[in-house]
Structure formats: C-alpha cells, structure tokens
Amino acid sequence: YGSLSSGHWVDWRSNFINYTSELCVLLDINIA
C-alpha cells in the first residue's frame, strides 16, 4: 500500500482522507 512520489516510495497514510463532515461539501468532494 503506497505509491511512488518524486522518485521516492510513500506508504499510504490516513491523512490522505478528507475528514470533511458537512454533508453538501462532502458530496461535492465525492462527486469530483
């Protein structure tokens, strides 16, 4: 679980998650 970024391996991290809690903003992010 990870990917290559600028030539370096980066393990997947929980801060990749968008923790937005407002429903309509959350749906806009999911749609995009």
Full PDB file with SEQRES, HELIX, SHEET, SSBOND, CRYST1, ORIGX, SCALE, CONECT and MASTER records, all heavy atoms in Angstrom:
SEQRES   1 A   32  TYR GLY SER LEU SER SER GLY HIS TRP VAL ASP TRP ARG          
SEQRES   2 A   32  SER ASN PHE ILE ASN TYR THR SER GLU LEU CYS VAL LEU          
SEQRES   3 A   32  LEU ASP ILE ASN ILE ALA                                      
HELIX    1 AA1 SER A   14  PHE A   16  5                                   3    
HELIX    2 AA2 LEU A   23  ILE A   31  1                                   9    
SHEET    1 AA1 2 GLY A   2  SER A   5  0                                        
SHEET    2 AA1 2 HIS A   8  ASP A  11 -1                                        
CRYST1    1.000    1.000    1.000  90.00  90.00  90.00 P 1           1          
ORIGX1      1.000000  0.000000  0.000000        0.00000                         
ORIGX2      0.000000  1.000000  0.000000        0.00000                         
ORIGX3      0.000000  0.000000  1.000000        0.00000                         
SCALE1      1.000000  0.000000  0.000000        0.00000                         
SCALE2      0.000000  1.000000  0.000000        0.00000                         
SCALE3      0.000000  0.000000  1.000000        0.00000                         
ATOM      1  N   TYR A   1       0.827  -1.201   0.000  1.00  0.00           N  
ATOM      2  CA  TYR A   1       0.000   0.000   0.000  1.00  0.00           C  
ATOM      3  C   TYR A   1       0.864   1.254   0.000  1.00  0.00           C  
ATOM      4  O   TYR A   1       1.395   1.664   1.035  1.00  0.00           O  
ATOM      5  CB  TYR A   1      -0.937   0.005   1.204  1.00  0.00           C  
ATOM      6  CG  TYR A   1      -1.931  -1.128   1.199  1.00  0.00           C  
ATOM      7  CD1 TYR A   1      -2.165  -1.879   2.342  1.00  0.00           C  
ATOM      8  CD2 TYR A   1      -2.620  -1.463   0.040  1.00  0.00           C  
ATOM      9  CE1 TYR A   1      -3.085  -2.924   2.329  1.00  0.00           C  
ATOM     10  CE2 TYR A   1      -3.526  -2.495   0.012  1.00  0.00           C  
ATOM     11  CZ  TYR A   1      -3.759  -3.230   1.169  1.00  0.00           C  
ATOM     12  OH  TYR A   1      -4.660  -4.261   1.148  1.00  0.00           O  
ATOM     13  N   GLY A   2       0.977   1.870  -1.155  1.00  0.00           N  
ATOM     14  CA  GLY A   2       1.734   3.096  -1.313  1.00  0.00           C  
ATOM     15  C   GLY A   2       1.912   3.408  -2.780  1.00  0.00           C  
ATOM     16  O   GLY A   2       1.345   2.734  -3.657  1.00  0.00           O  
ATOM     17  N   SER A   3       2.712   4.432  -3.067  1.00  0.00           N  
ATOM     18  CA  SER A   3       2.953   4.809  -4.459  1.00  0.00           C  
ATOM     19  C   SER A   3       4.273   5.571  -4.528  1.00  0.00           C  
ATOM     20  O   SER A   3       4.846   5.956  -3.508  1.00  0.00           O  
ATOM     21  CB  SER A   3       1.815   5.684  -4.994  1.00  0.00           C  
ATOM     22  OG  SER A   3       1.715   6.882  -4.243  1.00  0.00           O  
ATOM     23  N   LEU A   4       4.733   5.779  -5.757  1.00  0.00           N  
ATOM     24  CA  LEU A   4       5.989   6.488  -5.968  1.00  0.00           C  
ATOM     25  C   LEU A   4       5.696   7.978  -6.130  1.00  0.00           C  
ATOM     26  O   LEU A   4       4.842   8.368  -6.928  1.00  0.00           O  
ATOM     27  CB  LEU A   4       6.679   5.953  -7.217  1.00  0.00           C  
ATOM     28  CG  LEU A   4       8.195   6.132  -7.301  1.00  0.00           C  
ATOM     29  CD1 LEU A   4       8.889   5.358  -6.199  1.00  0.00           C  
ATOM     30  CD2 LEU A   4       8.706   5.683  -8.657  1.00  0.00           C  
ATOM     31  N   SER A   5       6.391   8.816  -5.364  1.00  0.00           N  
ATOM     32  CA  SER A   5       6.208  10.266  -5.443  1.00  0.00           C  
ATOM     33  C   SER A   5       7.572  10.926  -5.535  1.00  0.00           C  
ATOM     34  O   SER A   5       8.389  10.786  -4.619  1.00  0.00           O  
ATOM     35  CB  SER A   5       5.454  10.772  -4.200  1.00  0.00           C  
ATOM     36  OG  SER A   5       5.344  12.171  -4.212  1.00  0.00           O  
ATOM     37  N   SER A   6       7.817  11.627  -6.656  1.00  0.00           N  
ATOM     38  CA  SER A   6       9.099  12.316  -6.880  1.00  0.00           C  
ATOM     39  C   SER A   6      10.276  11.368  -6.709  1.00  0.00           C  
ATOM     40  O   SER A   6      11.312  11.728  -6.148  1.00  0.00           O  
ATOM     41  CB  SER A   6       9.236  13.507  -5.925  1.00  0.00           C  
ATOM     42  OG  SER A   6       8.185  14.422  -6.114  1.00  0.00           O  
ATOM     43  N   GLY A   7      10.101  10.142  -7.192  1.00  0.00           N  
ATOM     44  CA  GLY A   7      11.195   9.172  -7.144  1.00  0.00           C  
ATOM     45  C   GLY A   7      11.341   8.443  -5.831  1.00  0.00           C  
ATOM     46  O   GLY A   7      12.233   7.613  -5.678  1.00  0.00           O  
ATOM     47  N   HIS A   8      10.453   8.727  -4.859  1.00  0.00           N  
ATOM     48  CA  HIS A   8      10.549   8.094  -3.548  1.00  0.00           C  
ATOM     49  C   HIS A   8       9.246   7.367  -3.226  1.00  0.00           C  
ATOM     50  O   HIS A   8       8.155   7.856  -3.520  1.00  0.00           O  
ATOM     51  CB  HIS A   8      10.840   9.127  -2.457  1.00  0.00           C  
ATOM     52  CG  HIS A   8      12.133   9.846  -2.648  1.00  0.00           C  
ATOM     53  ND1 HIS A   8      13.346   9.297  -2.312  1.00  0.00           N  
ATOM     54  CD2 HIS A   8      12.414  11.064  -3.162  1.00  0.00           C  
ATOM     55  CE1 HIS A   8      14.317  10.150  -2.601  1.00  0.00           C  
ATOM     56  NE2 HIS A   8      13.771  11.234  -3.123  1.00  0.00           N  
ATOM     57  N   TRP A   9       9.385   6.180  -2.630  1.00  0.00           N  
ATOM     58  CA  TRP A   9       8.205   5.420  -2.247  1.00  0.00           C  
ATOM     59  C   TRP A   9       7.552   6.077  -1.030  1.00  0.00           C  
ATOM     60  O   TRP A   9       8.216   6.421  -0.053  1.00  0.00           O  
ATOM     61  CB  TRP A   9       8.584   3.989  -1.919  1.00  0.00           C  
ATOM     62  CG  TRP A   9       7.397   3.168  -1.524  1.00  0.00           C  
ATOM     63  CD1 TRP A   9       6.963   2.891  -0.268  1.00  0.00           C  
ATOM     64  CD2 TRP A   9       6.466   2.541  -2.412  1.00  0.00           C  
ATOM     65  NE1 TRP A   9       5.816   2.133  -0.304  1.00  0.00           N  
ATOM     66  CE2 TRP A   9       5.495   1.899  -1.612  1.00  0.00           C  
ATOM     67  CE3 TRP A   9       6.371   2.455  -3.800  1.00  0.00           C  
ATOM     68  CZ2 TRP A   9       4.443   1.181  -2.153  1.00  0.00           C  
ATOM     69  CZ3 TRP A   9       5.311   1.746  -4.338  1.00  0.00           C  
ATOM     70  CH2 TRP A   9       4.377   1.116  -3.534  1.00  0.00           C  
ATOM     71  N   VAL A  10       6.224   6.248  -1.080  1.00  0.00           N  
ATOM     72  CA  VAL A  10       5.471   6.832   0.027  1.00  0.00           C  
ATOM     73  C   VAL A  10       4.382   5.842   0.427  1.00  0.00           C  
ATOM     74  O   VAL A  10       3.501   5.521  -0.376  1.00  0.00           O  
ATOM     75  CB  VAL A  10       4.833   8.180  -0.370  1.00  0.00           C  
ATOM     76  CG1 VAL A  10       3.994   8.728   0.785  1.00  0.00           C  
ATOM     77  CG2 VAL A  10       5.899   9.180  -0.781  1.00  0.00           C  
ATOM     78  N   ASP A  11       4.442   5.332   1.645  1.00  0.00           N  
ATOM     79  CA  ASP A  11       3.393   4.443   2.136  1.00  0.00           C  
ATOM     80  C   ASP A  11       2.073   5.202   2.249  1.00  0.00           C  
ATOM     81  O   ASP A  11       2.055   6.413   2.521  1.00  0.00           O  
ATOM     82  CB  ASP A  11       3.766   3.877   3.506  1.00  0.00           C  
ATOM     83  CG  ASP A  11       4.860   2.817   3.416  1.00  0.00           C  
ATOM     84  OD1 ASP A  11       4.869   2.053   2.438  1.00  0.00           O  
ATOM     85  OD2 ASP A  11       5.708   2.762   4.327  1.00  0.00           O  
ATOM     86  N   TRP A  12       0.973   4.454   2.053  1.00  0.00           N  
ATOM     87  CA  TRP A  12      -0.346   5.065   2.196  1.00  0.00           C  
ATOM     88  C   TRP A  12      -0.512   5.574   3.627  1.00  0.00           C  
ATOM     89  O   TRP A  12      -0.070   4.937   4.591  1.00  0.00           O  
ATOM     90  CB  TRP A  12      -1.446   4.063   1.875  1.00  0.00           C  
ATOM     91  CG  TRP A  12      -2.809   4.676   1.883  1.00  0.00           C  
ATOM     92  CD1 TRP A  12      -3.439   5.288   0.851  1.00  0.00           C  
ATOM     93  CD2 TRP A  12      -3.692   4.769   3.011  1.00  0.00           C  
ATOM     94  NE1 TRP A  12      -4.661   5.756   1.250  1.00  0.00           N  
ATOM     95  CE2 TRP A  12      -4.844   5.451   2.569  1.00  0.00           C  
ATOM     96  CE3 TRP A  12      -3.617   4.352   4.329  1.00  0.00           C  
ATOM     97  CZ2 TRP A  12      -5.922   5.706   3.405  1.00  0.00           C  
ATOM     98  CZ3 TRP A  12      -4.684   4.611   5.172  1.00  0.00           C  
ATOM     99  CH2 TRP A  12      -5.821   5.277   4.700  1.00  0.00           C  
ATOM    100  N   ARG A  13      -1.170   6.724   3.775  1.00  0.00           N  
ATOM    101  CA  ARG A  13      -1.324   7.359   5.088  1.00  0.00           C  
ATOM    102  C   ARG A  13      -2.778   7.747   5.340  1.00  0.00           C  
ATOM    103  O   ARG A  13      -3.495   8.118   4.395  1.00  0.00           O  
ATOM    104  CB  ARG A  13      -0.446   8.607   5.179  1.00  0.00           C  
ATOM    105  CG  ARG A  13       1.024   8.318   4.931  1.00  0.00           C  
ATOM    106  CD  ARG A  13       1.833   9.580   4.775  1.00  0.00           C  
ATOM    107  NE  ARG A  13       3.235   9.281   4.452  1.00  0.00           N  
ATOM    108  CZ  ARG A  13       4.152  10.198   4.200  1.00  0.00           C  
ATOM    109  NH1 ARG A  13       3.827  11.466   4.224  1.00  0.00           N  
ATOM    110  NH2 ARG A  13       5.381   9.836   3.914  1.00  0.00           N  
ATOM    111  N   SER A  14      -3.180   7.706   6.581  1.00  0.00           N  
ATOM    112  CA  SER A  14      -4.567   8.043   6.917  1.00  0.00           C  
ATOM    113  C   SER A  14      -4.868   9.518   6.694  1.00  0.00           C  
ATOM    114  O   SER A  14      -6.039   9.897   6.551  1.00  0.00           O  
ATOM    115  CB  SER A  14      -4.867   7.673   8.368  1.00  0.00           C  
ATOM    116  OG  SER A  14      -4.026   8.379   9.258  1.00  0.00           O  
ATOM    117  N   ASN A  15      -3.842  10.374   6.627  1.00  0.00           N  
ATOM    118  CA  ASN A  15      -4.131  11.792   6.377  1.00  0.00           C  
ATOM    119  C   ASN A  15      -4.449  12.068   4.914  1.00  0.00           C  
ATOM    120  O   ASN A  15      -4.696  13.203   4.538  1.00  0.00           O  
ATOM    121  CB  ASN A  15      -2.984  12.690   6.858  1.00  0.00           C  
ATOM    122  CG  ASN A  15      -1.672  12.443   6.131  1.00  0.00           C  
ATOM    123  OD1 ASN A  15      -1.619  11.681   5.161  1.00  0.00           O  
ATOM    124  ND2 ASN A  15      -0.609  13.077   6.587  1.00  0.00           N  
ATOM    125  N   PHE A  16      -4.461  11.023   4.079  1.00  0.00           N  
ATOM    126  CA  PHE A  16      -4.949  11.177   2.709  1.00  0.00           C  
ATOM    127  C   PHE A  16      -6.470  11.331   2.687  1.00  0.00           C  
ATOM    128  O   PHE A  16      -7.042  11.768   1.694  1.00  0.00           O  
ATOM    129  CB  PHE A  16      -4.558   9.975   1.851  1.00  0.00           C  
ATOM    130  CG  PHE A  16      -3.079   9.859   1.562  1.00  0.00           C  
ATOM    131  CD1 PHE A  16      -2.557   8.684   1.065  1.00  0.00           C  
ATOM    132  CD2 PHE A  16      -2.214  10.917   1.781  1.00  0.00           C  
ATOM    133  CE1 PHE A  16      -1.200   8.563   0.778  1.00  0.00           C  
ATOM    134  CE2 PHE A  16      -0.866  10.822   1.508  1.00  0.00           C  
ATOM    135  CZ  PHE A  16      -0.354   9.639   1.001  1.00  0.00           C  
ATOM    136  N   ILE A  17      -7.132  10.946   3.774  1.00  0.00           N  
ATOM    137  CA  ILE A  17      -8.588  11.018   3.849  1.00  0.00           C  
ATOM    138  C   ILE A  17      -9.014  12.463   4.104  1.00  0.00           C  
ATOM    139  O   ILE A  17      -8.418  13.160   4.927  1.00  0.00           O  
ATOM    140  CB  ILE A  17      -9.123  10.115   4.979  1.00  0.00           C  
ATOM    141  CG1 ILE A  17      -8.766   8.653   4.693  1.00  0.00           C  
ATOM    142  CG2 ILE A  17     -10.629  10.270   5.143  1.00  0.00           C  
ATOM    143  CD1 ILE A  17      -9.115   7.726   5.842  1.00  0.00           C  
ATOM    144  N   ASN A  18     -10.050  12.899   3.403  1.00  0.00           N  
ATOM    145  CA  ASN A  18     -10.647  14.204   3.676  1.00  0.00           C  
ATOM    146  C   ASN A  18     -11.722  13.996   4.743  1.00  0.00           C  
ATOM    147  O   ASN A  18     -12.717  13.319   4.510  1.00  0.00           O  
ATOM    148  CB  ASN A  18     -11.258  14.788   2.395  1.00  0.00           C  
ATOM    149  CG  ASN A  18     -11.691  16.225   2.586  1.00  0.00           C  
ATOM    150  OD1 ASN A  18     -12.354  16.557   3.559  1.00  0.00           O  
ATOM    151  ND2 ASN A  18     -11.325  17.080   1.641  1.00  0.00           N  
ATOM    152  N   TYR A  19     -11.518  14.566   5.910  1.00  0.00           N  
ATOM    153  CA  TYR A  19     -12.422  14.343   7.037  1.00  0.00           C  
ATOM    154  C   TYR A  19     -13.533  15.385   7.122  1.00  0.00           C  
ATOM    155  O   TYR A  19     -14.066  15.641   8.200  1.00  0.00           O  
ATOM    156  CB  TYR A  19     -11.616  14.315   8.339  1.00  0.00           C  
ATOM    157  CG  TYR A  19     -10.726  13.098   8.461  1.00  0.00           C  
ATOM    158  CD1 TYR A  19      -9.354  13.204   8.278  1.00  0.00           C  
ATOM    159  CD2 TYR A  19     -11.260  11.844   8.754  1.00  0.00           C  
ATOM    160  CE1 TYR A  19      -8.531  12.087   8.392  1.00  0.00           C  
ATOM    161  CE2 TYR A  19     -10.452  10.726   8.860  1.00  0.00           C  
ATOM    162  CZ  TYR A  19      -9.085  10.854   8.681  1.00  0.00           C  
ATOM    163  OH  TYR A  19      -8.282   9.748   8.784  1.00  0.00           O  
ATOM    164  N   THR A  20     -13.895  15.979   5.999  1.00  0.00           N  
ATOM    165  CA  THR A  20     -14.992  16.943   5.967  1.00  0.00           C  
ATOM    166  C   THR A  20     -16.270  16.295   6.510  1.00  0.00           C  
ATOM    167  O   THR A  20     -16.608  15.162   6.145  1.00  0.00           O  
ATOM    168  CB  THR A  20     -15.239  17.426   4.530  1.00  0.00           C  
ATOM    169  OG1 THR A  20     -14.064  18.056   4.053  1.00  0.00           O  
ATOM    170  CG2 THR A  20     -16.388  18.407   4.478  1.00  0.00           C  
ATOM    171  N   SER A  21     -17.011  17.024   7.353  1.00  0.00           N  
ATOM    172  CA  SER A  21     -18.227  16.469   7.957  1.00  0.00           C  
ATOM    173  C   SER A  21     -19.505  17.145   7.453  1.00  0.00           C  
ATOM    174  O   SER A  21     -20.599  16.651   7.730  1.00  0.00           O  
ATOM    175  CB  SER A  21     -18.152  16.593   9.487  1.00  0.00           C  
ATOM    176  OG  SER A  21     -17.998  17.946   9.876  1.00  0.00           O  
ATOM    177  N   GLU A  22     -19.380  18.259   6.739  1.00  0.00           N  
ATOM    178  CA  GLU A  22     -20.567  18.967   6.238  1.00  0.00           C  
ATOM    179  C   GLU A  22     -21.082  18.227   5.001  1.00  0.00           C  
ATOM    180  O   GLU A  22     -20.355  18.011   4.041  1.00  0.00           O  
ATOM    181  CB  GLU A  22     -20.195  20.399   5.897  1.00  0.00           C  
ATOM    182  CG  GLU A  22     -21.388  21.351   5.891  1.00  0.00           C  
ATOM    183  CD  GLU A  22     -22.189  21.238   4.599  1.00  0.00           C  
ATOM    184  OE1 GLU A  22     -21.570  21.313   3.533  1.00  0.00           O  
ATOM    185  OE2 GLU A  22     -23.428  21.064   4.687  1.00  0.00           O  
ATOM    186  N   LEU A  23     -22.342  17.820   5.023  1.00  0.00           N  
ATOM    187  CA  LEU A  23     -22.882  16.900   4.036  1.00  0.00           C  
ATOM    188  C   LEU A  23     -22.690  17.370   2.601  1.00  0.00           C  
ATOM    189  O   LEU A  23     -22.182  16.632   1.764  1.00  0.00           O  
ATOM    190  CB  LEU A  23     -24.366  16.652   4.308  1.00  0.00           C  
ATOM    191  CG  LEU A  23     -25.088  15.793   3.258  1.00  0.00           C  
ATOM    192  CD1 LEU A  23     -24.490  14.402   3.194  1.00  0.00           C  
ATOM    193  CD2 LEU A  23     -26.583  15.722   3.568  1.00  0.00           C  
ATOM    194  N   CYS A  24     -23.104  18.586   2.273  1.00  0.00           N  
ATOM    195  CA  CYS A  24     -23.068  19.028   0.881  1.00  0.00           C  
ATOM    196  C   CYS A  24     -21.639  19.217   0.381  1.00  0.00           C  
ATOM    197  O   CYS A  24     -21.332  18.934  -0.778  1.00  0.00           O  
ATOM    198  CB  CYS A  24     -23.884  20.305   0.717  1.00  0.00           C  
ATOM    199  SG  CYS A  24     -25.656  20.041   1.038  1.00  0.00           S  
ATOM    200  N   VAL A  25     -20.739  19.670   1.246  1.00  0.00           N  
ATOM    201  CA  VAL A  25     -19.330  19.775   0.876  1.00  0.00           C  
ATOM    202  C   VAL A  25     -18.757  18.379   0.637  1.00  0.00           C  
ATOM    203  O   VAL A  25     -18.025  18.135  -0.328  1.00  0.00           O  
ATOM    204  CB  VAL A  25     -18.534  20.509   1.970  1.00  0.00           C  
ATOM    205  CG1 VAL A  25     -17.045  20.496   1.657  1.00  0.00           C  
ATOM    206  CG2 VAL A  25     -19.029  21.939   2.122  1.00  0.00           C  
ATOM    207  N   LEU A  26     -19.113  17.469   1.510  1.00  0.00           N  
ATOM    208  CA  LEU A  26     -18.670  16.082   1.403  1.00  0.00           C  
ATOM    209  C   LEU A  26     -19.108  15.471   0.073  1.00  0.00           C  
ATOM    210  O   LEU A  26     -18.331  14.815  -0.627  1.00  0.00           O  
ATOM    211  CB  LEU A  26     -19.244  15.331   2.598  1.00  0.00           C  
ATOM    212  CG  LEU A  26     -19.137  13.833   2.785  1.00  0.00           C  
ATOM    213  CD1 LEU A  26     -19.230  13.520   4.281  1.00  0.00           C  
ATOM    214  CD2 LEU A  26     -20.249  13.111   2.048  1.00  0.00           C  
ATOM    215  N   LEU A  27     -20.361  15.698  -0.302  1.00  0.00           N  
ATOM    216  CA  LEU A  27     -20.871  15.152  -1.562  1.00  0.00           C  
ATOM    217  C   LEU A  27     -20.181  15.789  -2.761  1.00  0.00           C  
ATOM    218  O   LEU A  27     -19.887  15.110  -3.753  1.00  0.00           O  
ATOM    219  CB  LEU A  27     -22.384  15.350  -1.643  1.00  0.00           C  
ATOM    220  CG  LEU A  27     -23.222  14.471  -0.700  1.00  0.00           C  
ATOM    221  CD1 LEU A  27     -24.685  14.886  -0.753  1.00  0.00           C  
ATOM    222  CD2 LEU A  27     -23.064  12.989  -1.044  1.00  0.00           C  
ATOM    223  N   ASP A  28     -19.909  17.088  -2.691  1.00  0.00           N  
ATOM    224  CA  ASP A  28     -19.191  17.759  -3.779  1.00  0.00           C  
ATOM    225  C   ASP A  28     -17.805  17.134  -3.981  1.00  0.00           C  
ATOM    226  O   ASP A  28     -17.370  16.916  -5.119  1.00  0.00           O  
ATOM    227  CB  ASP A  28     -19.037  19.252  -3.481  1.00  0.00           C  
ATOM    228  CG  ASP A  28     -20.280  20.051  -3.834  1.00  0.00           C  
ATOM    229  OD1 ASP A  28     -21.053  19.593  -4.703  1.00  0.00           O  
ATOM    230  OD2 ASP A  28     -20.474  21.127  -3.246  1.00  0.00           O  
ATOM    231  N   ILE A  29     -17.105  16.853  -2.891  1.00  0.00           N  
ATOM    232  CA  ILE A  29     -15.778  16.244  -2.977  1.00  0.00           C  
ATOM    233  C   ILE A  29     -15.875  14.845  -3.574  1.00  0.00           C  
ATOM    234  O   ILE A  29     -15.083  14.464  -4.446  1.00  0.00           O  
ATOM    235  CB  ILE A  29     -15.114  16.204  -1.590  1.00  0.00           C  
ATOM    236  CG1 ILE A  29     -14.824  17.624  -1.106  1.00  0.00           C  
ATOM    237  CG2 ILE A  29     -13.840  15.373  -1.612  1.00  0.00           C  
ATOM    238  CD1 ILE A  29     -14.368  17.703   0.343  1.00  0.00           C  
ATOM    239  N   ASN A  30     -16.872  14.070  -3.123  1.00  0.00           N  
ATOM    240  CA  ASN A  30     -17.050  12.716  -3.651  1.00  0.00           C  
ATOM    241  C   ASN A  30     -17.350  12.743  -5.147  1.00  0.00           C  
ATOM    242  O   ASN A  30     -16.836  11.921  -5.916  1.00  0.00           O  
ATOM    243  CB  ASN A  30     -18.176  12.004  -2.913  1.00  0.00           C  
ATOM    244  CG  ASN A  30     -17.848  11.720  -1.459  1.00  0.00           C  
ATOM    245  OD1 ASN A  30     -16.726  11.962  -1.014  1.00  0.00           O  
ATOM    246  ND2 ASN A  30     -18.807  11.204  -0.713  1.00  0.00           N  
ATOM    247  N   ILE A  31     -18.198  13.673  -5.563  1.00  0.00           N  
ATOM    248  CA  ILE A  31     -18.549  13.791  -6.983  1.00  0.00           C  
ATOM    249  C   ILE A  31     -17.300  14.096  -7.815  1.00  0.00           C  
ATOM    250  O   ILE A  31     -17.050  13.468  -8.849  1.00  0.00           O  
ATOM    251  CB  ILE A  31     -19.622  14.884  -7.182  1.00  0.00           C  
ATOM    252  CG1 ILE A  31     -20.975  14.401  -6.638  1.00  0.00           C  
ATOM    253  CG2 ILE A  31     -19.749  15.260  -8.658  1.00  0.00           C  
ATOM    254  CD1 ILE A  31     -22.011  15.498  -6.522  1.00  0.00           C  
ATOM    255  N   ALA A  32     -16.496  15.059  -7.352  1.00  0.00           N  
ATOM    256  CA  ALA A  32     -15.283  15.432  -8.086  1.00  0.00           C  
ATOM    257  C   ALA A  32     -14.294  14.268  -8.134  1.00  0.00           C  
ATOM    258  O   ALA A  32     -13.675  14.005  -9.176  1.00  0.00           O  
ATOM    259  CB  ALA A  32     -14.636  16.653  -7.432  1.00  0.00           C  
TER     260      ALA A  32                                                      
MASTER        0    0    0    2    2    0    0    6  259    1    0    3          
END                                                                             
